[in-house]
N, C-alpha and C. Protein backbone atom coordinates (compact mmCIF):
# COMPACT_ATOMS: atom_id res chain seq x y z
N MET A 1 43.89 -32.61 -58.74
CA MET A 1 42.69 -33.60 -58.38
C MET A 1 41.41 -33.60 -59.01
N LYS A 2 41.31 -34.23 -59.95
CA LYS A 2 39.45 -34.01 -60.50
C LYS A 2 38.28 -33.92 -59.30
N THR A 3 37.59 -33.58 -60.21
CA THR A 3 36.27 -33.11 -58.76
C THR A 3 35.03 -33.94 -60.05
N ALA A 4 34.62 -34.62 -58.97
CA ALA A 4 33.27 -35.10 -59.30
C ALA A 4 32.06 -34.65 -59.20
N THR A 5 30.93 -35.43 -59.41
CA THR A 5 29.11 -34.57 -59.69
C THR A 5 28.75 -35.29 -58.64
N ILE A 6 28.22 -34.71 -57.87
CA ILE A 6 26.31 -35.19 -57.08
C ILE A 6 25.97 -34.84 -58.40
N PRO A 7 25.01 -36.24 -59.09
CA PRO A 7 23.61 -36.32 -59.30
C PRO A 7 22.33 -35.01 -59.05
N SER A 8 21.86 -34.57 -60.52
CA SER A 8 20.83 -33.92 -60.67
C SER A 8 19.86 -34.23 -59.53
N VAL A 9 18.91 -33.37 -58.90
CA VAL A 9 17.98 -33.95 -58.19
C VAL A 9 16.83 -33.02 -58.70
N ARG A 10 15.26 -34.28 -59.32
CA ARG A 10 14.39 -33.66 -59.40
C ARG A 10 14.08 -33.05 -58.22
N VAL A 11 13.09 -31.82 -58.70
CA VAL A 11 12.50 -31.05 -57.82
C VAL A 11 11.22 -30.58 -58.24
N GLU A 12 9.88 -29.82 -57.11
CA GLU A 12 8.92 -29.16 -58.27
C GLU A 12 9.87 -28.02 -57.99
N PRO A 13 8.91 -27.03 -59.07
CA PRO A 13 9.44 -25.74 -59.63
C PRO A 13 9.60 -24.38 -57.91
N ALA A 14 8.25 -24.69 -56.85
CA ALA A 14 7.70 -24.07 -55.81
C ALA A 14 8.59 -24.97 -55.36
N PHE A 15 9.03 -26.19 -54.99
CA PHE A 15 10.61 -25.52 -53.32
C PHE A 15 11.47 -25.51 -54.79
N ARG A 16 12.17 -25.90 -55.66
CA ARG A 16 13.29 -24.93 -56.11
C ARG A 16 13.12 -23.39 -55.69
N ALA A 17 12.70 -22.20 -55.83
CA ALA A 17 12.00 -21.11 -55.36
C ALA A 17 11.76 -21.06 -53.85
N GLU A 18 11.69 -21.95 -53.23
CA GLU A 18 11.69 -21.87 -51.82
C GLU A 18 13.50 -21.86 -51.46
N VAL A 19 14.17 -22.68 -52.09
CA VAL A 19 15.16 -22.97 -51.65
C VAL A 19 15.91 -21.65 -52.07
N GLU A 20 15.51 -21.08 -53.45
CA GLU A 20 16.51 -20.36 -53.69
C GLU A 20 16.26 -19.18 -52.97
N SER A 21 14.74 -18.94 -52.11
CA SER A 21 14.25 -17.57 -51.54
C SER A 21 15.38 -17.32 -50.28
N VAL A 22 15.99 -18.77 -49.70
CA VAL A 22 16.65 -18.96 -48.16
C VAL A 22 18.31 -18.26 -48.93
N LEU A 23 19.21 -18.70 -49.93
CA LEU A 23 20.44 -18.31 -50.18
C LEU A 23 20.85 -16.85 -49.32
N GLY A 24 21.98 -17.34 -49.25
CA GLY A 24 22.83 -16.57 -48.99
C GLY A 24 22.86 -15.67 -49.52
N GLU A 25 23.30 -14.12 -49.32
CA GLU A 25 23.68 -13.10 -50.71
C GLU A 25 25.27 -13.48 -50.35
N GLY A 26 24.96 -13.62 -51.96
CA GLY A 26 26.37 -14.28 -52.73
C GLY A 26 25.94 -16.09 -53.12
N GLU A 27 25.30 -16.45 -51.88
CA GLU A 27 25.38 -18.18 -52.27
C GLU A 27 24.63 -18.58 -53.66
N THR A 28 25.77 -19.80 -53.96
CA THR A 28 25.19 -20.57 -54.77
C THR A 28 23.93 -21.44 -55.13
N LEU A 29 23.48 -21.82 -55.61
CA LEU A 29 22.75 -23.08 -55.39
C LEU A 29 23.07 -24.11 -55.19
N SER A 30 24.45 -24.58 -55.74
CA SER A 30 25.68 -25.15 -55.62
C SER A 30 26.27 -25.45 -54.50
N GLU A 31 26.49 -24.78 -53.79
CA GLU A 31 27.32 -24.24 -52.12
C GLU A 31 26.67 -24.64 -51.69
N PHE A 32 24.86 -24.61 -52.12
CA PHE A 32 24.01 -24.31 -51.05
C PHE A 32 23.85 -25.79 -51.07
N VAL A 33 23.61 -26.66 -51.78
CA VAL A 33 23.70 -28.40 -52.07
C VAL A 33 24.30 -28.60 -51.87
N GLU A 34 26.07 -28.50 -51.44
CA GLU A 34 26.93 -29.06 -51.71
C GLU A 34 27.07 -29.12 -49.74
N ALA A 35 26.92 -27.54 -49.23
CA ALA A 35 27.00 -27.99 -48.05
C ALA A 35 26.14 -28.18 -46.41
N SER A 36 24.78 -28.16 -47.34
CA SER A 36 23.67 -29.37 -47.14
C SER A 36 23.95 -30.97 -47.13
N LEU A 37 24.96 -31.09 -48.41
CA LEU A 37 24.41 -32.32 -48.31
C LEU A 37 25.93 -32.71 -47.21
N ARG A 38 27.34 -32.16 -47.48
CA ARG A 38 28.29 -32.09 -46.23
C ARG A 38 27.80 -32.08 -44.69
N ALA A 39 26.65 -31.35 -44.32
CA ALA A 39 26.26 -31.71 -43.14
C ALA A 39 25.70 -32.82 -42.80
N SER A 40 24.77 -33.17 -43.98
CA SER A 40 23.89 -34.35 -43.21
C SER A 40 24.59 -35.32 -43.77
N VAL A 41 25.35 -35.39 -43.94
CA VAL A 41 26.85 -36.70 -44.02
C VAL A 41 27.94 -36.88 -42.15
N GLU A 42 27.96 -35.17 -42.01
CA GLU A 42 28.44 -35.03 -40.78
C GLU A 42 27.76 -35.61 -40.02
N ARG A 43 26.49 -35.49 -39.60
CA ARG A 43 24.99 -35.97 -38.95
C ARG A 43 24.71 -36.87 -38.65
N ARG A 44 25.51 -37.75 -40.06
CA ARG A 44 24.58 -38.62 -39.66
C ARG A 44 26.02 -39.92 -39.70
N ARG A 45 27.22 -39.31 -39.78
CA ARG A 45 28.58 -40.04 -39.17
C ARG A 45 28.48 -40.43 -37.55
N VAL A 46 28.54 -39.15 -37.00
CA VAL A 46 27.92 -37.66 -35.83
C VAL A 46 27.45 -39.27 -34.79
N GLN A 47 25.80 -39.49 -35.60
CA GLN A 47 25.05 -40.21 -35.63
C GLN A 47 25.15 -41.70 -35.53
N ALA A 48 26.16 -42.58 -36.12
CA ALA A 48 26.33 -43.53 -36.15
C ALA A 48 27.36 -43.53 -35.08
N GLU A 49 28.88 -42.61 -35.01
CA GLU A 49 29.31 -43.28 -33.60
C GLU A 49 28.92 -42.77 -32.46
N PHE A 50 27.24 -42.29 -31.95
CA PHE A 50 26.83 -42.12 -31.58
C PHE A 50 26.22 -43.69 -30.26
N ILE A 51 25.70 -44.28 -31.67
CA ILE A 51 24.95 -45.68 -31.69
C ILE A 51 26.05 -46.25 -31.67
N ALA A 52 27.19 -46.69 -32.12
CA ALA A 52 28.43 -47.38 -31.49
C ALA A 52 29.09 -47.31 -29.74
N ARG A 53 29.15 -46.44 -29.64
CA ARG A 53 28.97 -46.09 -27.89
C ARG A 53 28.18 -46.55 -27.20
N GLY A 54 26.41 -46.89 -27.82
CA GLY A 54 25.89 -46.75 -26.93
C GLY A 54 26.02 -48.35 -27.00
N LEU A 55 26.19 -48.67 -27.96
CA LEU A 55 26.36 -50.71 -27.83
C LEU A 55 27.30 -50.69 -27.56
N ARG A 56 28.26 -51.05 -27.43
CA ARG A 56 29.89 -50.39 -25.88
C ARG A 56 29.22 -50.49 -25.10
N SER A 57 28.56 -50.15 -24.35
CA SER A 57 28.47 -49.12 -22.98
C SER A 57 27.39 -50.80 -23.04
N LEU A 58 26.86 -50.88 -23.61
CA LEU A 58 26.04 -52.25 -23.13
C LEU A 58 26.52 -52.73 -23.04
N ASP A 59 27.29 -53.48 -23.98
CA ASP A 59 28.13 -54.80 -24.12
C ASP A 59 28.74 -54.18 -22.92
N GLU A 60 29.24 -53.38 -22.62
CA GLU A 60 30.27 -53.45 -21.01
C GLU A 60 29.46 -54.16 -20.20
N ALA A 61 28.59 -52.95 -19.46
CA ALA A 61 27.25 -53.03 -19.33
C ALA A 61 26.47 -54.61 -18.38
N ARG A 62 26.27 -54.67 -19.68
CA ARG A 62 25.86 -56.60 -19.35
C ARG A 62 27.34 -57.44 -19.18
N ARG A 63 27.92 -56.82 -19.73
CA ARG A 63 29.26 -57.96 -18.86
C ARG A 63 29.81 -58.16 -17.76
N THR A 64 29.92 -56.79 -17.08
CA THR A 64 30.61 -56.74 -15.91
C THR A 64 28.59 -55.87 -14.45
N GLY A 65 27.78 -56.12 -15.67
CA GLY A 65 26.71 -56.45 -14.85
C GLY A 65 26.15 -55.23 -13.81
N ASP A 66 26.80 -54.07 -14.43
CA ASP A 66 26.52 -52.60 -13.39
C ASP A 66 26.02 -51.73 -14.77
N LEU A 67 24.43 -52.53 -14.06
CA LEU A 67 22.93 -52.12 -14.83
C LEU A 67 22.70 -51.03 -14.11
N VAL A 68 22.38 -50.43 -14.55
CA VAL A 68 20.39 -49.15 -13.54
C VAL A 68 19.26 -49.09 -13.83
N ASP A 69 18.25 -49.60 -13.77
CA ASP A 69 17.15 -50.00 -14.25
C ASP A 69 16.64 -48.34 -14.74
N ALA A 70 16.46 -48.40 -15.68
CA ALA A 70 15.56 -47.23 -16.82
C ALA A 70 15.14 -46.35 -15.52
N ASP A 71 13.76 -46.52 -14.66
CA ASP A 71 13.03 -46.12 -13.75
C ASP A 71 13.64 -45.53 -13.10
N VAL A 72 15.03 -46.11 -11.97
CA VAL A 72 16.01 -45.39 -11.34
C VAL A 72 16.96 -43.98 -12.11
N VAL A 73 16.98 -44.33 -12.90
CA VAL A 73 17.67 -43.09 -13.81
C VAL A 73 16.45 -42.06 -14.20
N VAL A 74 15.69 -42.27 -15.08
CA VAL A 74 14.01 -41.51 -14.75
C VAL A 74 14.20 -40.19 -13.70
N ALA A 75 13.44 -41.52 -12.62
CA ALA A 75 13.16 -40.73 -10.74
C ALA A 75 14.18 -39.92 -11.25
N SER A 76 15.50 -39.91 -10.67
CA SER A 76 17.10 -39.21 -10.95
C SER A 76 17.23 -37.84 -12.10
N LEU A 77 16.37 -38.24 -13.01
CA LEU A 77 16.13 -36.94 -13.57
C LEU A 77 16.10 -36.50 -13.02
N GLN A 78 14.84 -36.53 -12.84
CA GLN A 78 13.08 -35.79 -12.61
C GLN A 78 13.15 -35.43 -11.23
N ARG A 79 14.53 -35.76 -10.73
CA ARG A 79 14.40 -34.88 -9.35
C ARG A 79 14.95 -33.82 -9.62
N LYS A 80 15.82 -34.10 -10.42
CA LYS A 80 16.88 -32.45 -11.23
C LYS A 80 16.35 -31.62 -11.35
N LEU A 81 15.13 -31.99 -12.28
CA LEU A 81 14.17 -31.03 -12.95
C LEU A 81 14.01 -30.88 -11.82
N ASP A 82 12.96 -31.22 -11.31
CA ASP A 82 12.37 -30.34 -10.33
C ASP A 82 13.06 -29.37 -9.55
N THR A 83 14.14 -29.48 -9.39
CA THR A 83 15.21 -28.79 -8.55
C THR A 83 15.78 -27.79 -9.38
N ALA A 84 15.16 -27.55 -10.38
CA ALA A 84 16.17 -27.12 -11.42
C ALA A 84 15.03 -25.82 -11.30
N ARG A 85 14.12 -25.85 -11.71
CA ARG A 85 12.51 -25.39 -12.25
C ARG A 85 12.48 -24.66 -10.72
N ALA A 86 12.96 -25.31 -9.24
CA ALA A 86 12.85 -24.52 -7.83
C ALA A 86 12.60 -23.42 -7.48
N ARG A 87 14.21 -23.63 -8.32
CA ARG A 87 15.19 -22.97 -7.94
C ARG A 87 14.86 -21.68 -9.13
N ILE A 88 14.95 -21.78 -10.49
CA ILE A 88 14.38 -20.96 -11.37
C ILE A 88 12.94 -19.92 -11.08
N THR A 89 12.30 -20.57 -10.62
CA THR A 89 11.22 -20.63 -9.71
C THR A 89 11.41 -19.15 -8.44
N LYS A 90 12.26 -20.06 -7.73
CA LYS A 90 12.67 -18.83 -6.66
C LYS A 90 13.03 -17.74 -6.76
N SER A 91 13.90 -17.88 -8.00
CA SER A 91 14.94 -16.20 -8.57
C SER A 91 14.24 -15.24 -8.83
N ARG A 92 12.82 -16.67 -9.50
CA ARG A 92 12.39 -15.05 -10.02
C ARG A 92 11.32 -14.10 -9.11
N LYS A 93 10.77 -14.84 -8.23
CA LYS A 93 9.72 -13.95 -7.75
C LYS A 93 11.24 -12.64 -6.27
């Protein structure tokens, strides 16, 4: 299979130097750019899937009427956080 190229990206010399300064031992700039692109593509794919799941969940909640007010959820999470903080504080004494 033939390979394809990614278009060149023009950057300021200082930024290129900064990028080169963080390369791993034996790592090339091309390898770094490819890894960065792959990570960005994966992050966007995961983000799109997360949003799609959220929208499906919202549709289902609206369909069934099984909705919980945001204030109720936040209050519940705050109680859990307060309990965890109290437990940590108590264990440090």
